[in-house]
Amino acid sequence: MGPHGVNVNAIAPTAVRTEMNAYLLDDPGFLEAFLPRVPAGRVGQPDDIAGSAVFLASSASDFVHGHLLYVDGGYTAV
């Protein structure tokens, strides 16, 4: 789509607290197993994702094409 002026990119978050998954992220057993695998040491918040979306929607990303932006606190790096 680049020749048509369209950048196609994606954001790949890990566990991000929302109303829909709060029950899981409030479960001590889940957090005990999950958090050691996240170098940031915490669950993501919607604001953590928002900045990435703003970047990809802005002219600052005009030369970014076909990119999968991991916003996961380092989860995929482990």
PDB file of N, CA and C in Angstrom:
ATOM      1  N   MET A   1       0.812  -1.196   0.000  1.00  0.00           N
ATOM      2  CA  MET A   1       0.000   0.000   0.000  1.00  0.00           C
ATOM      3  C   MET A   1       0.860   1.267   0.000  1.00  0.00           C
ATOM      4  N   GLY A   2       2.150   1.126   0.233  1.00  0.00           N
ATOM      5  CA  GLY A   2       3.041   2.274   0.268  1.00  0.00           C
ATOM      6  C   GLY A   2       2.954   3.158  -0.968  1.00  0.00           C
ATOM      7  N   PRO A   3       2.913   2.574  -2.176  1.00  0.00           N
ATOM      8  CA  PRO A   3       2.801   3.414  -3.367  1.00  0.00           C
ATOM      9  C   PRO A   3       1.524   4.255  -3.405  1.00  0.00           C
ATOM     10  N   HIS A   4       0.565   3.874  -2.603  1.00  0.00           N
ATOM     11  CA  HIS A   4      -0.699   4.611  -2.545  1.00  0.00           C
ATOM     12  C   HIS A   4      -0.748   5.583  -1.365  1.00  0.00           C
ATOM     13  N   GLY A   5       0.391   5.759  -0.690  1.00  0.00           N
ATOM     14  CA  GLY A   5       0.455   6.688   0.434  1.00  0.00           C
ATOM     15  C   GLY A   5      -0.090   6.132   1.730  1.00  0.00           C
ATOM     16  N   VAL A   6      -0.202   4.807   1.806  1.00  0.00           N
ATOM     17  CA  VAL A   6      -0.743   4.174   3.008  1.00  0.00           C
ATOM     18  C   VAL A   6       0.364   3.371   3.691  1.00  0.00           C
ATOM     19  N   ASN A   7       0.626   3.676   4.945  1.00  0.00           N
ATOM     20  CA  ASN A   7       1.568   2.898   5.747  1.00  0.00           C
ATOM     21  C   ASN A   7       0.774   1.815   6.467  1.00  0.00           C
ATOM     22  N   VAL A   8       1.231   0.576   6.351  1.00  0.00           N
ATOM     23  CA  VAL A   8       0.563  -0.523   7.037  1.00  0.00           C
ATOM     24  C   VAL A   8       1.494  -1.026   8.133  1.00  0.00           C
ATOM     25  N   ASN A   9       1.106  -0.772   9.360  1.00  0.00           N
ATOM     26  CA  ASN A   9       1.882  -1.167  10.531  1.00  0.00           C
ATOM     27  C   ASN A   9       0.920  -1.730  11.566  1.00  0.00           C
ATOM     28  N   ALA A  10       1.469  -2.308  12.616  1.00  0.00           N
ATOM     29  CA  ALA A  10       0.626  -2.876  13.671  1.00  0.00           C
ATOM     30  C   ALA A  10       1.299  -2.696  15.022  1.00  0.00           C
ATOM     31  N   ILE A  11       0.493  -2.689  16.045  1.00  0.00           N
ATOM     32  CA  ILE A  11       0.971  -2.641  17.428  1.00  0.00           C
ATOM     33  C   ILE A  11       0.671  -3.996  18.058  1.00  0.00           C
ATOM     34  N   ALA A  12       1.673  -4.579  18.707  1.00  0.00           N
ATOM     35  CA  ALA A  12       1.518  -5.875  19.355  1.00  0.00           C
ATOM     36  C   ALA A  12       1.732  -5.713  20.855  1.00  0.00           C
ATOM     37  N   PRO A  13       0.667  -5.470  21.585  1.00  0.00           N
ATOM     38  CA  PRO A  13       0.806  -5.348  23.034  1.00  0.00           C
ATOM     39  C   PRO A  13       0.797  -6.720  23.697  1.00  0.00           C
ATOM     40  N   THR A  14       1.195  -6.755  24.937  1.00  0.00           N
ATOM     41  CA  THR A  14       1.002  -7.941  25.755  1.00  0.00           C
ATOM     42  C   THR A  14      -0.180  -7.645  26.676  1.00  0.00           C
ATOM     43  N   ALA A  15      -0.191  -8.168  27.850  1.00  0.00           N
ATOM     44  CA  ALA A  15      -1.320  -7.943  28.759  1.00  0.00           C
ATOM     45  C   ALA A  15      -1.416  -6.461  29.109  1.00  0.00           C
ATOM     46  N   VAL A  16      -2.524  -5.858  28.733  1.00  0.00           N
ATOM     47  CA  VAL A  16      -2.794  -4.457  29.017  1.00  0.00           C
ATOM     48  C   VAL A  16      -4.108  -4.401  29.789  1.00  0.00           C
ATOM     49  N   ARG A  17      -4.079  -3.755  30.931  1.00  0.00           N
ATOM     50  CA  ARG A  17      -5.264  -3.709  31.797  1.00  0.00           C
ATOM     51  C   ARG A  17      -6.416  -2.986  31.120  1.00  0.00           C
ATOM     52  N   THR A  18      -7.528  -3.684  31.008  1.00  0.00           N
ATOM     53  CA  THR A  18      -8.783  -3.108  30.526  1.00  0.00           C
ATOM     54  C   THR A  18      -9.900  -3.655  31.405  1.00  0.00           C
ATOM     55  N   GLU A  19     -11.078  -3.122  31.239  1.00  0.00           N
ATOM     56  CA  GLU A  19     -12.219  -3.656  31.985  1.00  0.00           C
ATOM     57  C   GLU A  19     -12.455  -5.123  31.640  1.00  0.00           C
ATOM     58  N   MET A  20     -12.200  -5.471  30.392  1.00  0.00           N
ATOM     59  CA  MET A  20     -12.481  -6.819  29.925  1.00  0.00           C
ATOM     60  C   MET A  20     -11.578  -7.876  30.571  1.00  0.00           C
ATOM     61  N   ASN A  21     -10.337  -7.527  30.896  1.00  0.00           N
ATOM     62  CA  ASN A  21      -9.432  -8.534  31.449  1.00  0.00           C
ATOM     63  C   ASN A  21      -9.010  -8.258  32.889  1.00  0.00           C
ATOM     64  N   ALA A  22      -9.643  -7.302  33.543  1.00  0.00           N
ATOM     65  CA  ALA A  22      -9.268  -6.949  34.918  1.00  0.00           C
ATOM     66  C   ALA A  22      -9.351  -8.153  35.850  1.00  0.00           C
ATOM     67  N   TYR A  23     -10.337  -9.016  35.647  1.00  0.00           N
ATOM     68  CA  TYR A  23     -10.482 -10.197  36.510  1.00  0.00           C
ATOM     69  C   TYR A  23      -9.230 -11.065  36.462  1.00  0.00           C
ATOM     70  N   LEU A  24      -8.632 -11.193  35.292  1.00  0.00           N
ATOM     71  CA  LEU A  24      -7.434 -12.014  35.143  1.00  0.00           C
ATOM     72  C   LEU A  24      -6.216 -11.306  35.732  1.00  0.00           C
ATOM     73  N   LEU A  25      -6.100 -10.010  35.440  1.00  0.00           N
ATOM     74  CA  LEU A  25      -4.933  -9.271  35.908  1.00  0.00           C
ATOM     75  C   LEU A  25      -4.986  -8.960  37.390  1.00  0.00           C
ATOM     76  N   ASP A  26      -6.121  -9.199  38.030  1.00  0.00           N
ATOM     77  CA  ASP A  26      -6.237  -9.064  39.480  1.00  0.00           C
ATOM     78  C   ASP A  26      -6.029 -10.399  40.189  1.00  0.00           C
ATOM     79  N   ASP A  27      -5.808 -11.451  39.426  1.00  0.00           N
ATOM     80  CA  ASP A  27      -5.612 -12.786  39.987  1.00  0.00           C
ATOM     81  C   ASP A  27      -4.137 -12.937  40.391  1.00  0.00           C
ATOM     82  N   PRO A  28      -3.863 -13.063  41.699  1.00  0.00           N
ATOM     83  CA  PRO A  28      -2.473 -13.186  42.151  1.00  0.00           C
ATOM     84  C   PRO A  28      -1.739 -14.358  41.508  1.00  0.00           C
ATOM     85  N   GLY A  29      -2.438 -15.450  41.247  1.00  0.00           N
ATOM     86  CA  GLY A  29      -1.805 -16.610  40.621  1.00  0.00           C
ATOM     87  C   GLY A  29      -1.333 -16.307  39.207  1.00  0.00           C
ATOM     88  N   PHE A  30      -2.154 -15.589  38.452  1.00  0.00           N
ATOM     89  CA  PHE A  30      -1.761 -15.203  37.098  1.00  0.00           C
ATOM     90  C   PHE A  30      -0.552 -14.281  37.140  1.00  0.00           C
ATOM     91  N   LEU A  31      -0.621 -13.268  37.997  1.00  0.00           N
ATOM     92  CA  LEU A  31       0.479 -12.299  38.069  1.00  0.00           C
ATOM     93  C   LEU A  31       1.775 -12.959  38.525  1.00  0.00           C
ATOM     94  N   GLU A  32       1.674 -13.906  39.438  1.00  0.00           N
ATOM     95  CA  GLU A  32       2.865 -14.612  39.928  1.00  0.00           C
ATOM     96  C   GLU A  32       3.573 -15.354  38.788  1.00  0.00           C
ATOM     97  N   ALA A  33       2.793 -15.906  37.870  1.00  0.00           N
ATOM     98  CA  ALA A  33       3.368 -16.621  36.735  1.00  0.00           C
ATOM     99  C   ALA A  33       3.771 -15.689  35.600  1.00  0.00           C
ATOM    100  N   PHE A  34       3.040 -14.603  35.425  1.00  0.00           N
ATOM    101  CA  PHE A  34       3.245 -13.727  34.267  1.00  0.00           C
ATOM    102  C   PHE A  34       4.339 -12.684  34.476  1.00  0.00           C
ATOM    103  N   LEU A  35       4.316 -11.985  35.589  1.00  0.00           N
ATOM    104  CA  LEU A  35       5.214 -10.850  35.782  1.00  0.00           C
ATOM    105  C   LEU A  35       6.709 -11.188  35.731  1.00  0.00           C
ATOM    106  N   PRO A  36       7.154 -12.350  36.192  1.00  0.00           N
ATOM    107  CA  PRO A  36       8.586 -12.655  36.067  1.00  0.00           C
ATOM    108  C   PRO A  36       9.053 -12.722  34.609  1.00  0.00           C
ATOM    109  N   ARG A  37       8.124 -12.870  33.681  1.00  0.00           N
ATOM    110  CA  ARG A  37       8.468 -12.947  32.253  1.00  0.00           C
ATOM    111  C   ARG A  37       8.424 -11.577  31.569  1.00  0.00           C
ATOM    112  N   VAL A  38       8.135 -10.522  32.338  1.00  0.00           N
ATOM    113  CA  VAL A  38       8.047  -9.165  31.791  1.00  0.00           C
ATOM    114  C   VAL A  38       9.162  -8.320  32.398  1.00  0.00           C
ATOM    115  N   PRO A  39      10.194  -7.994  31.617  1.00  0.00           N
ATOM    116  CA  PRO A  39      11.290  -7.207  32.159  1.00  0.00           C
ATOM    117  C   PRO A  39      10.853  -5.880  32.793  1.00  0.00           C
ATOM    118  N   ALA A  40       9.782  -5.271  32.297  1.00  0.00           N
ATOM    119  CA  ALA A  40       9.298  -4.023  32.895  1.00  0.00           C
ATOM    120  C   ALA A  40       8.705  -4.266  34.280  1.00  0.00           C
ATOM    121  N   GLY A  41       8.358  -5.524  34.581  1.00  0.00           N
ATOM    122  CA  GLY A  41       7.885  -5.881  35.915  1.00  0.00           C
ATOM    123  C   GLY A  41       6.476  -5.449  36.246  1.00  0.00           C
ATOM    124  N   ARG A  42       5.694  -5.144  35.225  1.00  0.00           N
ATOM    125  CA  ARG A  42       4.318  -4.715  35.488  1.00  0.00           C
ATOM    126  C   ARG A  42       3.439  -5.031  34.291  1.00  0.00           C
ATOM    127  N   VAL A  43       2.161  -4.937  34.518  1.00  0.00           N
ATOM    128  CA  VAL A  43       1.166  -5.088  33.458  1.00  0.00           C
ATOM    129  C   VAL A  43       1.042  -3.749  32.743  1.00  0.00           C
ATOM    130  N   GLY A  44       0.814  -3.773  31.451  1.00  0.00           N
ATOM    131  CA  GLY A  44       0.660  -2.546  30.679  1.00  0.00           C
ATOM    132  C   GLY A  44      -0.640  -1.820  30.992  1.00  0.00           C
ATOM    133  N   GLN A  45      -0.623  -0.524  30.723  1.00  0.00           N
ATOM    134  CA  GLN A  45      -1.795   0.328  30.875  1.00  0.00           C
ATOM    135  C   GLN A  45      -2.154   0.885  29.495  1.00  0.00           C
ATOM    136  N   PRO A  46      -3.398   1.255  29.288  1.00  0.00           N
ATOM    137  CA  PRO A  46      -3.778   1.798  27.980  1.00  0.00           C
ATOM    138  C   PRO A  46      -2.884   2.955  27.527  1.00  0.00           C
ATOM    139  N   ASP A  47      -2.436   3.790  28.448  1.00  0.00           N
ATOM    140  CA  ASP A  47      -1.547   4.894  28.075  1.00  0.00           C
ATOM    141  C   ASP A  47      -0.228   4.408  27.483  1.00  0.00           C
ATOM    142  N   ASP A  48       0.192   3.209  27.860  1.00  0.00           N
ATOM    143  CA  ASP A  48       1.424   2.646  27.291  1.00  0.00           C
ATOM    144  C   ASP A  48       1.262   2.384  25.795  1.00  0.00           C
ATOM    145  N   ILE A  49       0.077   2.065  25.380  1.00  0.00           N
ATOM    146  CA  ILE A  49      -0.201   1.762  23.974  1.00  0.00           C
ATOM    147  C   ILE A  49      -0.517   3.034  23.203  1.00  0.00           C
ATOM    148  N   ALA A  50      -1.148   3.977  23.855  1.00  0.00           N
ATOM    149  CA  ALA A  50      -1.620   5.196  23.184  1.00  0.00           C
ATOM    150  C   ALA A  50      -0.483   5.949  22.489  1.00  0.00           C
ATOM    151  N   GLY A  51       0.644   6.080  23.140  1.00  0.00           N
ATOM    152  CA  GLY A  51       1.757   6.804  22.535  1.00  0.00           C
ATOM    153  C   GLY A  51       2.234   6.160  21.246  1.00  0.00           C
ATOM    154  N   SER A  52       2.239   4.841  21.215  1.00  0.00           N
ATOM    155  CA  SER A  52       2.638   4.130  19.997  1.00  0.00           C
ATOM    156  C   SER A  52       1.641   4.363  18.873  1.00  0.00           C
ATOM    157  N   ALA A  53       0.368   4.367  19.219  1.00  0.00           N
ATOM    158  CA  ALA A  53      -0.665   4.613  18.215  1.00  0.00           C
ATOM    159  C   ALA A  53      -0.560   6.033  17.673  1.00  0.00           C
ATOM    160  N   VAL A  54      -0.301   6.986  18.554  1.00  0.00           N
ATOM    161  CA  VAL A  54      -0.136   8.379  18.112  1.00  0.00           C
ATOM    162  C   VAL A  54       1.067   8.486  17.176  1.00  0.00           C
ATOM    163  N   PHE A  55       2.162   7.832  17.535  1.00  0.00           N
ATOM    164  CA  PHE A  55       3.346   7.852  16.673  1.00  0.00           C
ATOM    165  C   PHE A  55       3.029   7.295  15.291  1.00  0.00           C
ATOM    166  N   LEU A  56       2.409   6.122  15.238  1.00  0.00           N
ATOM    167  CA  LEU A  56       2.121   5.500  13.944  1.00  0.00           C
ATOM    168  C   LEU A  56       1.100   6.285  13.130  1.00  0.00           C
ATOM    169  N   ALA A  57       0.256   7.051  13.799  1.00  0.00           N
ATOM    170  CA  ALA A  57      -0.739   7.856  13.092  1.00  0.00           C
ATOM    171  C   ALA A  57      -0.191   9.220  12.674  1.00  0.00           C
ATOM    172  N   SER A  58       1.003   9.558  13.140  1.00  0.00           N
ATOM    173  CA  SER A  58       1.560  10.886  12.869  1.00  0.00           C
ATOM    174  C   SER A  58       2.528  10.848  11.691  1.00  0.00           C
ATOM    175  N   SER A  59       2.899  12.023  11.243  1.00  0.00           N
ATOM    176  CA  SER A  59       3.864  12.125  10.148  1.00  0.00           C
ATOM    177  C   SER A  59       5.264  11.688  10.588  1.00  0.00           C
ATOM    178  N   ALA A  60       5.484  11.548  11.899  1.00  0.00           N
ATOM    179  CA  ALA A  60       6.781  11.070  12.386  1.00  0.00           C
ATOM    180  C   ALA A  60       7.070   9.644  11.923  1.00  0.00           C
ATOM    181  N   SER A  61       6.038   8.912  11.525  1.00  0.00           N
ATOM    182  CA  SER A  61       6.226   7.531  11.074  1.00  0.00           C
ATOM    183  C   SER A  61       6.044   7.386   9.562  1.00  0.00           C
ATOM    184  N   ASP A  62       6.172   8.473   8.819  1.00  0.00           N
ATOM    185  CA  ASP A  62       5.953   8.418   7.369  1.00  0.00           C
ATOM    186  C   ASP A  62       6.844   7.413   6.645  1.00  0.00           C
ATOM    187  N   PHE A  63       8.007   7.112   7.180  1.00  0.00           N
ATOM    188  CA  PHE A  63       8.921   6.181   6.521  1.00  0.00           C
ATOM    189  C   PHE A  63       8.925   4.812   7.203  1.00  0.00           C
ATOM    190  N   VAL A  64       7.932   4.570   8.036  1.00  0.00           N
ATOM    191  CA  VAL A  64       7.784   3.279   8.722  1.00  0.00           C
ATOM    192  C   VAL A  64       6.718   2.488   7.969  1.00  0.00           C
ATOM    193  N   HIS A  65       7.132   1.398   7.354  1.00  0.00           N
ATOM    194  CA  HIS A  65       6.209   0.572   6.566  1.00  0.00           C
ATOM    195  C   HIS A  65       6.387  -0.900   6.940  1.00  0.00           C
ATOM    196  N   GLY A  66       5.288  -1.585   7.122  1.00  0.00           N
ATOM    197  CA  GLY A  66       5.332  -3.023   7.369  1.00  0.00           C
ATOM    198  C   GLY A  66       5.961  -3.401   8.694  1.00  0.00           C
ATOM    199  N   HIS A  67       5.773  -2.578   9.699  1.00  0.00           N
ATOM    200  CA  HIS A  67       6.418  -2.808  10.991  1.00  0.00           C
ATOM    201  C   HIS A  67       5.416  -3.308  12.033  1.00  0.00           C
ATOM    202  N   LEU A  68       5.845  -4.278  12.814  1.00  0.00           N
ATOM    203  CA  LEU A  68       5.070  -4.746  13.959  1.00  0.00           C
ATOM    204  C   LEU A  68       5.770  -4.203  15.199  1.00  0.00           C
ATOM    205  N   LEU A  69       5.140  -3.243  15.851  1.00  0.00           N
ATOM    206  CA  LEU A  69       5.733  -2.562  17.010  1.00  0.00           C
ATOM    207  C   LEU A  69       5.291  -3.264  18.287  1.00  0.00           C
ATOM    208  N   TYR A  70       6.220  -3.962  18.915  1.00  0.00           N
ATOM    209  CA  TYR A  70       5.925  -4.638  20.169  1.00  0.00           C
ATOM    210  C   TYR A  70       5.925  -3.620  21.301  1.00  0.00           C
ATOM    211  N   VAL A  71       4.813  -3.497  21.970  1.00  0.00           N
ATOM    212  CA  VAL A  71       4.685  -2.625  23.154  1.00  0.00           C
ATOM    213  C   VAL A  71       4.270  -3.566  24.278  1.00  0.00           C
ATOM    214  N   ASP A  72       5.275  -4.249  24.816  1.00  0.00           N
ATOM    215  CA  ASP A  72       4.974  -5.375  25.700  1.00  0.00           C
ATOM    216  C   ASP A  72       5.861  -5.443  26.936  1.00  0.00           C
ATOM    217  N   GLY A  73       6.511  -4.341  27.274  1.00  0.00           N
ATOM    218  CA  GLY A  73       7.347  -4.328  28.467  1.00  0.00           C
ATOM    219  C   GLY A  73       8.555  -5.254  28.388  1.00  0.00           C
ATOM    220  N   GLY A  74       8.906  -5.683  27.188  1.00  0.00           N
ATOM    221  CA  GLY A  74      10.026  -6.581  26.998  1.00  0.00           C
ATOM    222  C   GLY A  74       9.666  -8.055  26.987  1.00  0.00           C
ATOM    223  N   TYR A  75       8.379  -8.365  27.061  1.00  0.00           N
ATOM    224  CA  TYR A  75       7.908  -9.753  27.148  1.00  0.00           C
ATOM    225  C   TYR A  75       8.480 -10.616  26.007  1.00  0.00           C
ATOM    226  N   THR A  76       8.471 -10.109  24.794  1.00  0.00           N
ATOM    227  CA  THR A  76       8.944 -10.919  23.668  1.00  0.00           C
ATOM    228  C   THR A  76      10.463 -10.999  23.602  1.00  0.00           C
ATOM    229  N   ALA A  77      11.152 -10.160  24.365  1.00  0.00           N
ATOM    230  CA  ALA A  77      12.621 -10.184  24.364  1.00  0.00           C
ATOM    231  C   ALA A  77      13.176 -11.282  25.266  1.00  0.00           C
ATOM    232  N   VAL A  78      12.345 -11.821  26.131  1.00  0.00           N
ATOM    233  CA  VAL A  78      12.803 -12.829  27.088  1.00  0.00           C
ATOM    234  C   VAL A  78      12.762 -14.197  26.460  1.00  0.00           C
TER     235      VAL A  78
END
